[in-house]
C-alpha atoms as a PDB file:
ATOM      1  CA  MET A   1      -8.032 -81.746 -25.435  1.00  0.00           C
ATOM      2  CA  SER A   2     -10.761 -79.651 -27.041  1.00  0.00           C
ATOM      3  CA  SER A   3     -10.238 -75.895 -26.894  1.00  0.00           C
ATOM      4  CA  THR A   4     -13.970 -75.270 -27.296  1.00  0.00           C
ATOM      5  CA  THR A   5     -16.584 -75.094 -24.564  1.00  0.00           C
ATOM      6  CA  PRO A   6     -20.392 -75.166 -24.441  1.00  0.00           C
ATOM      7  CA  ASP A   7     -20.231 -71.354 -24.350  1.00  0.00           C
ATOM      8  CA  THR A   8     -18.271 -71.354 -27.627  1.00  0.00           C
ATOM      9  CA  PHE A   9     -20.978 -73.401 -29.322  1.00  0.00           C
ATOM     10  CA  SER A  10     -23.691 -71.184 -27.840  1.00  0.00           C
ATOM     11  CA  SER A  11     -21.946 -68.063 -29.138  1.00  0.00           C
ATOM     12  CA  THR A  12     -21.609 -69.560 -32.636  1.00  0.00           C
ATOM     13  CA  LEU A  13     -25.236 -70.637 -32.753  1.00  0.00           C
ATOM     14  CA  ASP A  14     -26.444 -67.266 -31.454  1.00  0.00           C
ATOM     15  CA  VAL A  15     -24.601 -65.453 -34.236  1.00  0.00           C
ATOM     16  CA  LEU A  16     -25.994 -67.798 -36.895  1.00  0.00           C
ATOM     17  CA  ASN A  17     -29.537 -67.443 -35.586  1.00  0.00           C
ATOM     18  CA  SER A  18     -29.205 -63.651 -35.631  1.00  0.00           C
ATOM     19  CA  ILE A  19     -28.049 -63.652 -39.284  1.00  0.00           C
ATOM     20  CA  LEU A  20     -30.026 -66.443 -40.945  1.00  0.00           C
ATOM     21  CA  PRO A  21     -33.658 -66.229 -42.011  1.00  0.00           C
ATOM     22  CA  ALA A  22     -35.895 -68.789 -40.332  1.00  0.00           C
ATOM     23  CA  HIS A  23     -36.086 -71.149 -43.326  1.00  0.00           C
ATOM     24  CA  LEU A  24     -32.284 -71.612 -43.364  1.00  0.00           C
ATOM     25  CA  ARG A  25     -31.651 -72.118 -39.650  1.00  0.00           C
ATOM     26  CA  LYS A  26     -32.212 -75.897 -39.686  1.00  0.00           C
ATOM     27  CA  PRO A  27     -30.176 -77.300 -42.578  1.00  0.00           C
ATOM     28  CA  ARG A  28     -30.849 -80.957 -43.321  1.00  0.00           C
ATOM     29  CA  VAL A  29     -27.639 -81.649 -45.238  1.00  0.00           C
ATOM     30  CA  GLY A  30     -24.085 -80.458 -44.697  1.00  0.00           C
ATOM     31  CA  ILE A  31     -21.439 -80.236 -47.419  1.00  0.00           C
ATOM     32  CA  VAL A  32     -17.685 -79.873 -46.882  1.00  0.00           C
ATOM     33  CA  CYS A  33     -15.953 -78.407 -49.946  1.00  0.00           C
ATOM     34  CA  GLY A  34     -12.448 -79.646 -50.676  1.00  0.00           C
ATOM     35  CA  SER A  35      -9.590 -77.982 -52.607  1.00  0.00           C
ATOM     36  CA  GLY A  36     -10.925 -76.149 -55.649  1.00  0.00           C
ATOM     37  CA  LEU A  37     -14.474 -77.346 -54.966  1.00  0.00           C
ATOM     38  CA  SER A  38     -15.943 -74.316 -53.185  1.00  0.00           C
ATOM     39  CA  THR A  39     -18.113 -73.648 -56.242  1.00  0.00           C
ATOM     40  CA  LEU A  40     -20.287 -76.518 -54.996  1.00  0.00           C
ATOM     41  CA  ALA A  41     -22.045 -73.809 -52.993  1.00  0.00           C
ATOM     42  CA  SER A  42     -22.766 -71.655 -56.059  1.00  0.00           C
ATOM     43  CA  THR A  43     -25.984 -73.518 -56.888  1.00  0.00           C
ATOM     44  CA  LEU A  44     -27.684 -72.582 -53.597  1.00  0.00           C
ATOM     45  CA  ARG A  45     -30.822 -70.444 -53.737  1.00  0.00           C
ATOM     46  CA  ASP A  46     -31.551 -67.732 -51.149  1.00  0.00           C
ATOM     47  CA  ALA A  47     -27.877 -68.062 -50.259  1.00  0.00           C
ATOM     48  CA  VAL A  48     -26.464 -66.417 -47.153  1.00  0.00           C
ATOM     49  CA  GLN A  49     -22.718 -66.530 -46.490  1.00  0.00           C
ATOM     50  CA  VAL A  50     -21.327 -66.179 -42.985  1.00  0.00           C
ATOM     51  CA  PRO A  51     -17.543 -65.628 -42.740  1.00  0.00           C
ATOM     52  CA  TYR A  52     -15.686 -67.884 -40.336  1.00  0.00           C
ATOM     53  CA  SER A  53     -14.239 -64.754 -38.759  1.00  0.00           C
ATOM     54  CA  ALA A  54     -17.709 -63.953 -37.378  1.00  0.00           C
ATOM     55  CA  LEU A  55     -18.019 -67.304 -35.623  1.00  0.00           C
ATOM     56  CA  ALA A  56     -16.372 -68.202 -32.317  1.00  0.00           C
ATOM     57  CA  GLY A  57     -14.341 -71.410 -32.470  1.00  0.00           C
ATOM     58  CA  PHE A  58     -13.725 -71.250 -36.218  1.00  0.00           C
ATOM     59  CA  GLY A  59     -10.208 -70.974 -37.583  1.00  0.00           C
ATOM     60  CA  LYS A  60      -9.123 -69.443 -40.870  1.00  0.00           C
ATOM     61  CA  SER A  61      -8.363 -71.581 -43.891  1.00  0.00           C
ATOM     62  CA  THR A  62      -5.006 -70.565 -45.353  1.00  0.00           C
ATOM     63  CA  VAL A  63      -4.824 -73.025 -48.257  1.00  0.00           C
ATOM     64  CA  PRO A  64      -5.325 -71.764 -51.843  1.00  0.00           C
ATOM     65  CA  GLY A  65      -8.635 -73.067 -53.207  1.00  0.00           C
ATOM     66  CA  HIS A  66     -10.348 -72.872 -49.806  1.00  0.00           C
ATOM     67  CA  LYS A  67     -12.561 -69.979 -48.783  1.00  0.00           C
ATOM     68  CA  SER A  68     -13.437 -69.205 -45.169  1.00  0.00           C
ATOM     69  CA  ALA A  69     -17.215 -69.026 -44.949  1.00  0.00           C
ATOM     70  CA  LEU A  70     -20.341 -71.064 -44.299  1.00  0.00           C
ATOM     71  CA  ALA A  71     -22.882 -70.867 -47.115  1.00  0.00           C
ATOM     72  CA  PHE A  72     -26.530 -71.517 -46.253  1.00  0.00           C
ATOM     73  CA  GLY A  73     -29.216 -71.947 -48.895  1.00  0.00           C
ATOM     74  CA  LEU A  74     -31.776 -74.124 -50.635  1.00  0.00           C
ATOM     75  CA  LEU A  75     -30.982 -76.860 -53.128  1.00  0.00           C
ATOM     76  CA  GLY A  76     -33.305 -78.847 -55.356  1.00  0.00           C
ATOM     77  CA  PRO A  77     -36.681 -78.286 -57.032  1.00  0.00           C
ATOM     78  CA  GLY A  78     -39.803 -76.931 -55.394  1.00  0.00           C
ATOM     79  CA  ALA A  79     -39.347 -75.523 -51.920  1.00  0.00           C
ATOM     80  CA  GLY A  80     -35.854 -76.989 -51.897  1.00  0.00           C
ATOM     81  CA  VAL A  81     -33.790 -78.656 -49.186  1.00  0.00           C
ATOM     82  CA  PRO A  82     -32.043 -76.362 -46.682  1.00  0.00           C
ATOM     83  CA  VAL A  83     -28.315 -77.085 -46.730  1.00  0.00           C
ATOM     84  CA  VAL A  84     -25.112 -75.615 -45.335  1.00  0.00           C
ATOM     85  CA  ALA A  85     -21.760 -75.783 -47.102  1.00  0.00           C
ATOM     86  CA  MET A  86     -18.323 -75.291 -45.592  1.00  0.00           C
ATOM     87  CA  MET A  87     -16.490 -73.276 -48.243  1.00  0.00           C
ATOM     88  CA  GLY A  88     -13.066 -74.307 -47.077  1.00  0.00           C
ATOM     89  CA  ARG A  89     -11.875 -76.582 -44.301  1.00  0.00           C
ATOM     90  CA  PHE A  90      -9.089 -76.608 -41.742  1.00  0.00           C
ATOM     91  CA  HIS A  91      -6.084 -78.938 -41.750  1.00  0.00           C
ATOM     92  CA  ALA A  92      -3.754 -79.982 -38.970  1.00  0.00           C
ATOM     93  CA  TYR A  93      -0.755 -79.136 -41.161  1.00  0.00           C
ATOM     94  CA  GLU A  94      -1.839 -75.462 -41.119  1.00  0.00           C
ATOM     95  CA  GLY A  95      -1.230 -75.499 -37.384  1.00  0.00           C
ATOM     96  CA  HIS A  96      -4.856 -75.990 -36.374  1.00  0.00           C
ATOM     97  CA  SER A  97      -5.630 -78.317 -33.491  1.00  0.00           C
ATOM     98  CA  LEU A  98      -7.872 -81.246 -34.321  1.00  0.00           C
ATOM     99  CA  SER A  99     -10.551 -79.718 -32.103  1.00  0.00           C
ATOM    100  CA  THR A 100     -10.520 -76.705 -34.461  1.00  0.00           C
ATOM    101  CA  VAL A 101     -10.492 -78.957 -37.527  1.00  0.00           C
ATOM    102  CA  THR A 102     -13.608 -80.757 -36.317  1.00  0.00           C
ATOM    103  CA  TYR A 103     -15.403 -77.858 -34.602  1.00  0.00           C
ATOM    104  CA  PRO A 104     -17.444 -76.869 -37.705  1.00  0.00           C
ATOM    105  CA  ILE A 105     -18.679 -80.465 -38.041  1.00  0.00           C
ATOM    106  CA  ARG A 106     -19.964 -80.380 -34.471  1.00  0.00           C
ATOM    107  CA  VAL A 107     -21.623 -77.017 -35.148  1.00  0.00           C
ATOM    108  CA  LEU A 108     -23.395 -78.550 -38.152  1.00  0.00           C
ATOM    109  CA  ALA A 109     -24.643 -81.351 -35.911  1.00  0.00           C
ATOM    110  CA  LYS A 110     -26.008 -78.822 -33.408  1.00  0.00           C
ATOM    111  CA  LEU A 111     -27.817 -77.076 -36.282  1.00  0.00           C
ATOM    112  CA  GLY A 112     -29.618 -80.342 -36.979  1.00  0.00           C
ATOM    113  CA  VAL A 113     -27.625 -81.764 -39.907  1.00  0.00           C
ATOM    114  CA  GLN A 114     -28.099 -85.530 -40.115  1.00  0.00           C
ATOM    115  CA  ASN A 115     -26.459 -86.259 -43.486  1.00  0.00           C
ATOM    116  CA  ILE A 116     -23.062 -84.857 -44.404  1.00  0.00           C
ATOM    117  CA  ILE A 117     -21.299 -85.010 -47.770  1.00  0.00           C
ATOM    118  CA  ILE A 118     -17.552 -84.480 -47.409  1.00  0.00           C
ATOM    119  CA  THR A 119     -15.530 -83.817 -50.559  1.00  0.00           C
ATOM    120  CA  ASN A 120     -11.794 -83.656 -51.036  1.00  0.00           C
ATOM    121  CA  ALA A 121      -9.060 -83.642 -53.637  1.00  0.00           C
ATOM    122  CA  ALA A 122      -6.970 -86.803 -53.510  1.00  0.00           C
ATOM    123  CA  GLY A 123      -4.048 -88.501 -55.178  1.00  0.00           C
ATOM    124  CA  ALA A 124      -4.595 -91.858 -56.863  1.00  0.00           C
ATOM    125  CA  LEU A 125      -2.653 -94.817 -55.507  1.00  0.00           C
ATOM    126  CA  ASN A 126      -4.728 -97.288 -57.504  1.00  0.00           C
ATOM    127  CA  PRO A 127      -3.324 -97.240 -61.078  1.00  0.00           C
ATOM    128  CA  ASN A 128      -6.835 -97.940 -62.413  1.00  0.00           C
ATOM    129  CA  PHE A 129      -8.164 -94.619 -61.088  1.00  0.00           C
ATOM    130  CA  ALA A 130      -7.722 -91.952 -63.744  1.00  0.00           C
ATOM    131  CA  VAL A 131      -7.415 -88.257 -62.949  1.00  0.00           C
ATOM    132  CA  GLY A 132     -10.945 -86.875 -62.717  1.00  0.00           C
ATOM    133  CA  THR A 133     -12.447 -90.009 -61.173  1.00  0.00           C
ATOM    134  CA  ILE A 134     -14.839 -89.404 -58.282  1.00  0.00           C
ATOM    135  CA  THR A 135     -14.097 -92.041 -55.655  1.00  0.00           C
ATOM    136  CA  VAL A 136     -16.958 -92.986 -53.347  1.00  0.00           C
ATOM    137  CA  ILE A 137     -15.098 -93.863 -50.151  1.00  0.00           C
ATOM    138  CA  HIS A 138     -16.075 -97.077 -48.363  1.00  0.00           C
ATOM    139  CA  ASP A 139     -13.262 -97.231 -45.781  1.00  0.00           C
ATOM    140  CA  HIS A 140     -10.225 -95.344 -44.583  1.00  0.00           C
ATOM    141  CA  LEU A 141      -6.686 -95.950 -43.409  1.00  0.00           C
ATOM    142  CA  ALA A 142      -4.924 -93.727 -40.866  1.00  0.00           C
ATOM    143  CA  ILE A 143      -1.452 -95.049 -40.083  1.00  0.00           C
ATOM    144  CA  PRO A 144      -0.078 -93.407 -36.885  1.00  0.00           C
ATOM    145  CA  ASN A 145       3.435 -92.726 -38.147  1.00  0.00           C
ATOM    146  CA  MET A 146       1.989 -90.977 -41.230  1.00  0.00           C
ATOM    147  CA  THR A 147      -0.537 -88.877 -39.313  1.00  0.00           C
ATOM    148  CA  GLY A 148       1.676 -87.787 -36.438  1.00  0.00           C
ATOM    149  CA  GLY A 149      -0.195 -90.209 -34.184  1.00  0.00           C
ATOM    150  CA  MET A 150      -3.203 -87.866 -34.293  1.00  0.00           C
ATOM    151  CA  ASN A 151      -6.794 -88.891 -33.668  1.00  0.00           C
ATOM    152  CA  ALA A 152      -9.596 -86.341 -33.644  1.00  0.00           C
ATOM    153  CA  LEU A 153     -11.233 -88.056 -30.670  1.00  0.00           C
ATOM    154  CA  PHE A 154      -8.252 -87.813 -28.307  1.00  0.00           C
ATOM    155  CA  GLY A 155      -9.092 -86.185 -24.996  1.00  0.00           C
ATOM    156  CA  PRO A 156     -12.237 -85.890 -22.879  1.00  0.00           C
ATOM    157  CA  LEU A 157     -15.557 -86.686 -24.518  1.00  0.00           C
ATOM    158  CA  SER A 158     -17.154 -83.587 -26.008  1.00  0.00           C
ATOM    159  CA  SER A 159     -20.535 -84.851 -24.780  1.00  0.00           C
ATOM    160  CA  PRO A 160     -21.528 -87.439 -22.158  1.00  0.00           C
ATOM    161  CA  ASP A 161     -23.823 -88.894 -24.822  1.00  0.00           C
ATOM    162  CA  HIS A 162     -20.889 -89.856 -27.052  1.00  0.00           C
ATOM    163  CA  PRO A 163     -19.331 -93.334 -26.904  1.00  0.00           C
ATOM    164  CA  ARG A 164     -15.803 -93.531 -25.496  1.00  0.00           C
ATOM    165  CA  PHE A 165     -14.884 -96.165 -28.101  1.00  0.00           C
ATOM    166  CA  LEU A 166     -16.421 -95.318 -31.464  1.00  0.00           C
ATOM    167  CA  PRO A 167     -16.965 -98.208 -33.915  1.00  0.00           C
ATOM    168  CA  LEU A 168     -15.900 -97.378 -37.480  1.00  0.00           C
ATOM    169  CA  SER A 169     -16.791-100.536 -39.398  1.00  0.00           C
ATOM    170  CA  ASP A 170     -19.907 -98.672 -40.588  1.00  0.00           C
ATOM    171  CA  ALA A 171     -18.359 -95.204 -40.817  1.00  0.00           C
ATOM    172  CA  TYR A 172     -19.317 -94.693 -44.468  1.00  0.00           C
ATOM    173  CA  SER A 173     -23.068 -94.777 -45.032  1.00  0.00           C
ATOM    174  CA  ALA A 174     -24.186 -97.498 -47.431  1.00  0.00           C
ATOM    175  CA  LYS A 175     -27.423 -95.556 -47.947  1.00  0.00           C
ATOM    176  CA  LEU A 176     -25.609 -92.433 -49.109  1.00  0.00           C
ATOM    177  CA  ARG A 177     -23.092 -94.382 -51.205  1.00  0.00           C
ATOM    178  CA  ARG A 178     -26.022 -95.998 -53.009  1.00  0.00           C
ATOM    179  CA  LEU A 179     -27.491 -92.559 -53.725  1.00  0.00           C
ATOM    180  CA  ALA A 180     -24.158 -91.445 -55.214  1.00  0.00           C
ATOM    181  CA  PHE A 181     -24.295 -94.166 -57.838  1.00  0.00           C
ATOM    182  CA  LEU A 182     -27.995 -93.571 -58.489  1.00  0.00           C
ATOM    183  CA  ALA A 183     -27.166 -89.898 -58.997  1.00  0.00           C
ATOM    184  CA  ALA A 184     -24.441 -90.798 -61.504  1.00  0.00           C
ATOM    185  CA  HIS A 185     -26.961 -92.964 -63.373  1.00  0.00           C
ATOM    186  CA  ASP A 186     -29.561 -90.170 -63.405  1.00  0.00           C
ATOM    187  CA  LEU A 187     -26.957 -87.754 -64.776  1.00  0.00           C
ATOM    188  CA  ALA A 188     -25.932 -90.270 -67.480  1.00  0.00           C
ATOM    189  CA  LEU A 189     -22.291 -90.222 -66.356  1.00  0.00           C
ATOM    190  CA  PRO A 190     -20.036 -92.901 -67.855  1.00  0.00           C
ATOM    191  CA  ASP A 191     -19.389 -95.958 -65.702  1.00  0.00           C
ATOM    192  CA  ALA A 192     -15.760 -94.948 -65.115  1.00  0.00           C
ATOM    193  CA  ALA A 193     -16.757 -91.531 -63.723  1.00  0.00           C
ATOM    194  CA  LEU A 194     -17.325 -92.982 -60.241  1.00  0.00           C
ATOM    195  CA  ALA A 195     -15.318 -95.657 -58.464  1.00  0.00           C
ATOM    196  CA  GLU A 196     -15.310 -97.152 -54.965  1.00  0.00           C
ATOM    197  CA  GLY A 197     -12.243 -97.190 -52.777  1.00  0.00           C
ATOM    198  CA  THR A 198     -10.346 -96.752 -49.531  1.00  0.00           C
ATOM    199  CA  TYR A 199      -8.963 -93.349 -48.490  1.00  0.00           C
ATOM    200  CA  ALA A 200      -5.602 -93.059 -46.737  1.00  0.00           C
ATOM    201  CA  TRP A 201      -5.165 -90.051 -44.464  1.00  0.00           C
ATOM    202  CA  VAL A 202      -1.674 -88.574 -44.121  1.00  0.00           C
ATOM    203  CA  SER A 203      -0.706 -85.481 -42.179  1.00  0.00           C
ATOM    204  CA  GLY A 204       0.807 -83.501 -45.068  1.00  0.00           C
ATOM    205  CA  PRO A 205       1.754 -80.896 -46.092  1.00  0.00           C
ATOM    206  CA  THR A 206       4.280 -82.874 -48.129  1.00  0.00           C
ATOM    207  CA  TYR A 207       3.122 -85.078 -50.960  1.00  0.00           C
ATOM    208  CA  GLU A 208       4.033 -88.729 -50.585  1.00  0.00           C
ATOM    209  CA  THR A 209       7.453 -90.109 -51.384  1.00  0.00           C
ATOM    210  CA  PRO A 210       7.457 -93.037 -53.825  1.00  0.00           C
ATOM    211  CA  ALA A 211       8.175 -95.392 -50.900  1.00  0.00           C
ATOM    212  CA  GLU A 212       5.222 -94.023 -48.917  1.00  0.00           C
ATOM    213  CA  GLY A 213       2.943 -94.289 -51.940  1.00  0.00           C
ATOM    214  CA  ARG A 214       4.065 -97.868 -52.549  1.00  0.00           C
ATOM    215  CA  PHE A 215       3.463 -98.695 -48.879  1.00  0.00           C
ATOM    216  CA  LEU A 216      -0.051 -97.218 -48.841  1.00  0.00           C
ATOM    217  CA  ARG A 217      -0.971 -98.982 -52.075  1.00  0.00           C
ATOM    218  CA  ALA A 218       0.251-102.279 -50.642  1.00  0.00           C
ATOM    219  CA  ALA A 219      -1.785-101.619 -47.481  1.00  0.00           C
ATOM    220  CA  GLY A 220      -4.960-101.464 -49.571  1.00  0.00           C
ATOM    221  CA  ALA A 221      -5.521 -97.728 -50.067  1.00  0.00           C
ATOM    222  CA  ASP A 222      -6.828 -96.471 -53.417  1.00  0.00           C
ATOM    223  CA  VAL A 223      -6.536 -92.710 -52.855  1.00  0.00           C
ATOM    224  CA  VAL A 224      -4.635 -90.537 -50.397  1.00  0.00           C
ATOM    225  CA  GLY A 225      -5.143 -87.070 -48.957  1.00  0.00           C
ATOM    226  CA  MET A 226      -4.448 -84.714 -46.064  1.00  0.00           C
ATOM    227  CA  SER A 227      -7.934 -84.179 -44.660  1.00  0.00           C
ATOM    228  CA  THR A 228     -11.377 -85.753 -44.152  1.00  0.00           C
ATOM    229  CA  VAL A 229     -10.748 -88.531 -41.626  1.00  0.00           C
ATOM    230  CA  PRO A 230     -10.872 -86.210 -38.557  1.00  0.00           C
ATOM    231  CA  GLU A 231     -14.152 -84.802 -39.908  1.00  0.00           C
ATOM    232  CA  VAL A 232     -15.536 -88.284 -40.468  1.00  0.00           C
ATOM    233  CA  LEU A 233     -14.720 -89.272 -36.891  1.00  0.00           C
ATOM    234  CA  ALA A 234     -16.428 -86.183 -35.476  1.00  0.00           C
ATOM    235  CA  ALA A 235     -19.456 -86.630 -37.735  1.00  0.00           C
ATOM    236  CA  ARG A 236     -19.881 -90.252 -36.738  1.00  0.00           C
ATOM    237  CA  GLU A 237     -19.439 -89.407 -33.065  1.00  0.00           C
ATOM    238  CA  GLU A 238     -22.220 -86.840 -33.513  1.00  0.00           C
ATOM    239  CA  GLY A 239     -24.451 -89.487 -35.101  1.00  0.00           C
ATOM    240  CA  MET A 240     -24.407 -88.241 -38.693  1.00  0.00           C
ATOM    241  CA  GLU A 241     -24.655 -90.346 -41.849  1.00  0.00           C
ATOM    242  CA  VAL A 242     -21.426 -89.753 -43.787  1.00  0.00           C
ATOM    243  CA  LEU A 243     -20.644 -89.763 -47.496  1.00  0.00           C
ATOM    244  CA  VAL A 244     -17.127 -88.970 -48.745  1.00  0.00           C
ATOM    245  CA  LEU A 245     -16.432 -88.146 -52.389  1.00  0.00           C
ATOM    246  CA  SER A 246     -12.734 -87.946 -53.276  1.00  0.00           C
ATOM    247  CA  LEU A 247     -11.928 -86.300 -56.600  1.00  0.00           C
ATOM    248  CA  VAL A 248      -8.727 -87.759 -58.059  1.00  0.00           C
ATOM    249  CA  THR A 249      -6.673 -84.724 -59.046  1.00  0.00           C
ATOM    250  CA  ASN A 250      -3.325 -86.399 -59.623  1.00  0.00           C
ATOM    251  CA  ALA A 251      -1.586 -89.753 -59.676  1.00  0.00           C
ATOM    252  CA  VAL A 252       0.768 -90.418 -56.778  1.00  0.00           C
ATOM    253  CA  VAL A 253       4.285 -90.727 -58.173  1.00  0.00           C
ATOM    254  CA  ILE A 254       5.235 -94.399 -57.726  1.00  0.00           C
ATOM    255  CA  PRO A 255       7.914 -95.344 -60.290  1.00  0.00           C
ATOM    256  CA  GLU A 256       8.451 -99.023 -61.009  1.00  0.00           C
ATOM    257  CA  ALA A 257      12.172 -98.576 -60.354  1.00  0.00           C
ATOM    258  CA  TYR A 258      14.403 -95.869 -58.939  1.00  0.00           C
ATOM    259  CA  ARG A 259      16.800 -93.948 -61.076  1.00  0.00           C
ATOM    260  CA  SER A 260      20.263 -95.401 -60.409  1.00  0.00           C
ATOM    261  CA  ILE A 261      22.834 -92.648 -60.079  1.00  0.00           C
ATOM    262  CA  LYS A 262      25.503 -95.318 -59.575  1.00  0.00           C
ATOM    263  CA  GLU A 263      24.763 -96.885 -62.967  1.00  0.00           C
ATOM    264  CA  GLU A 264      24.641 -93.462 -64.634  1.00  0.00           C
ATOM    265  CA  VAL A 265      28.078 -92.576 -63.254  1.00  0.00           C
ATOM    266  CA  LYS A 266      29.511 -95.938 -64.347  1.00  0.00           C
ATOM    267  CA  ALA A 267      28.095 -95.430 -67.846  1.00  0.00           C
ATOM    268  CA  GLU A 268      29.461 -91.886 -68.001  1.00  0.00           C
ATOM    269  CA  LEU A 269      32.938 -93.028 -66.938  1.00  0.00           C
ATOM    270  CA  ALA A 270      32.791 -95.736 -69.587  1.00  0.00           C
ATOM    271  CA  GLY A 271      31.973 -93.177 -72.265  1.00  0.00           C
ATOM    272  CA  ARG A 272      28.284 -94.124 -72.497  1.00  0.00           C
ATOM    273  CA  PRO A 273      26.410 -91.085 -71.100  1.00  0.00           C
ATOM    274  CA  VAL A 274      22.791 -91.818 -70.157  1.00  0.00           C
ATOM    275  CA  ALA A 275      19.975 -89.430 -71.098  1.00  0.00           C
ATOM    276  CA  GLN A 276      18.658 -87.675 -68.020  1.00  0.00           C
ATOM    277  CA  VAL A 277      14.984 -88.238 -67.216  1.00  0.00           C
ATOM    278  CA  GLN A 278      13.187 -85.526 -65.269  1.00  0.00           C
ATOM    279  CA  ALA A 279      11.561 -86.952 -62.136  1.00  0.00           C
ATOM    280  CA  ALA A 280       7.771 -86.561 -62.015  1.00  0.00           C
ATOM    281  CA  THR A 281       6.330 -84.316 -59.300  1.00  0.00           C
ATOM    282  CA  VAL A 282       2.914 -83.125 -58.107  1.00  0.00           C
ATOM    283  CA  SER A 283       1.837 -79.525 -57.496  1.00  0.00           C
ATOM    284  CA  HIS A 284      -1.117 -77.868 -55.764  1.00  0.00           C
ATOM    285  CA  ASP A 285      -1.762 -75.902 -58.968  1.00  0.00           C
ATOM    286  CA  GLU A 286      -2.446 -79.222 -60.675  1.00  0.00           C
ATOM    287  CA  VAL A 287      -4.856 -80.161 -57.889  1.00  0.00           C
ATOM    288  CA  LEU A 288      -6.755 -76.875 -58.203  1.00  0.00           C
ATOM    289  CA  ALA A 289      -6.909 -77.104 -62.005  1.00  0.00           C
ATOM    290  CA  VAL A 290      -8.562 -80.531 -61.935  1.00  0.00           C
ATOM    291  CA  GLY A 291     -10.894 -79.333 -59.173  1.00  0.00           C
ATOM    292  CA  ARG A 292     -12.046 -76.459 -61.385  1.00  0.00           C
ATOM    293  CA  GLU A 293     -12.366 -78.733 -64.416  1.00  0.00           C
ATOM    294  CA  LYS A 294     -14.563 -81.243 -62.591  1.00  0.00           C
ATOM    295  CA  ALA A 295     -16.467 -78.770 -60.424  1.00  0.00           C
ATOM    296  CA  GLU A 296     -19.612 -78.941 -62.552  1.00  0.00           C
ATOM    297  CA  VAL A 297     -19.685 -82.745 -62.430  1.00  0.00           C
ATOM    298  CA  MET A 298     -19.190 -82.739 -58.658  1.00  0.00           C
ATOM    299  CA  LYS A 299     -21.896 -80.092 -58.236  1.00  0.00           C
ATOM    300  CA  GLY A 300     -24.291 -82.154 -60.320  1.00  0.00           C
ATOM    301  CA  VAL A 301     -23.645 -85.339 -58.377  1.00  0.00           C
ATOM    302  CA  VAL A 302     -23.964 -83.654 -54.961  1.00  0.00           C
ATOM    303  CA  ALA A 303     -27.126 -81.798 -55.964  1.00  0.00           C
ATOM    304  CA  ARG A 304     -28.743 -84.956 -57.279  1.00  0.00           C
ATOM    305  CA  ILE A 305     -27.826 -86.913 -54.127  1.00  0.00           C
ATOM    306  CA  ILE A 306     -29.564 -84.257 -52.034  1.00  0.00           C
ATOM    307  CA  GLU A 307     -32.624 -84.380 -54.279  1.00  0.00           C
ATOM    308  CA  LEU A 308     -32.752 -88.167 -53.895  1.00  0.00           C
ATOM    309  CA  LEU A 309     -32.425 -87.803 -50.121  1.00  0.00           C
ATOM    310  CA  ASP A 310     -35.470 -85.540 -50.189  1.00  0.00           C
END
């Protein structure tokens, strides 16, 4: 059940209207910045940052690489397009309820945002997706036993205008996905810089075991992460056009075969010691490093998409 009320939204909007100049109060595009990607907001002109702590209903992001502020500003040539960027998001694994995770998305909708670009850092399940690839998401997978059975739309409807049963076959805007590839062309990015794929949402905060990675790959997922899908559901329920860009920051560890301790012990007892191979692992530092490395490319793509929207 949502922990927010109409009064919570009213309080948030009142604070924003008291802080923002008139030309920034009606952003046309929303951006959600994933791990290490908060610099996406650094290109905004006339920027005004509002800390989450000043806004009722907002939580605090506790994950390294995520800030806790909304950044409002103008993007693009001429008068520019008014946009708002979430510099840091909330995750269920931090202890936030899904109503808190999705609350900022609903606030963006009430501000007038119609197009939202959601970014995230993701692990590659598809062996053809190299680290650094920007994956334009065309579908998602949320398996109940890997998400704790969570769905962001559980509970009473947040508005009588929302559908009780939300269709998701068109969750990812073909219009915005097209603009992503046009943007890559305009920026002269190599063909391999952008790919298309399916995003698997898992609860985290653990990275996937090899068996889980193998399962998700077999189920048709190309990348996997611990966020985004709740935000997509809320955005679609609010009537927004959604684009998701997943930056591949690491390969999910899926060995072709498991190390056999039994065979190693047999070899050792037979006088044929086997060289030990260190098991591969993934770290959040690796995720942040790739995010920083590719931040300029992501900024360029997002900025050009917004210009094309205009």
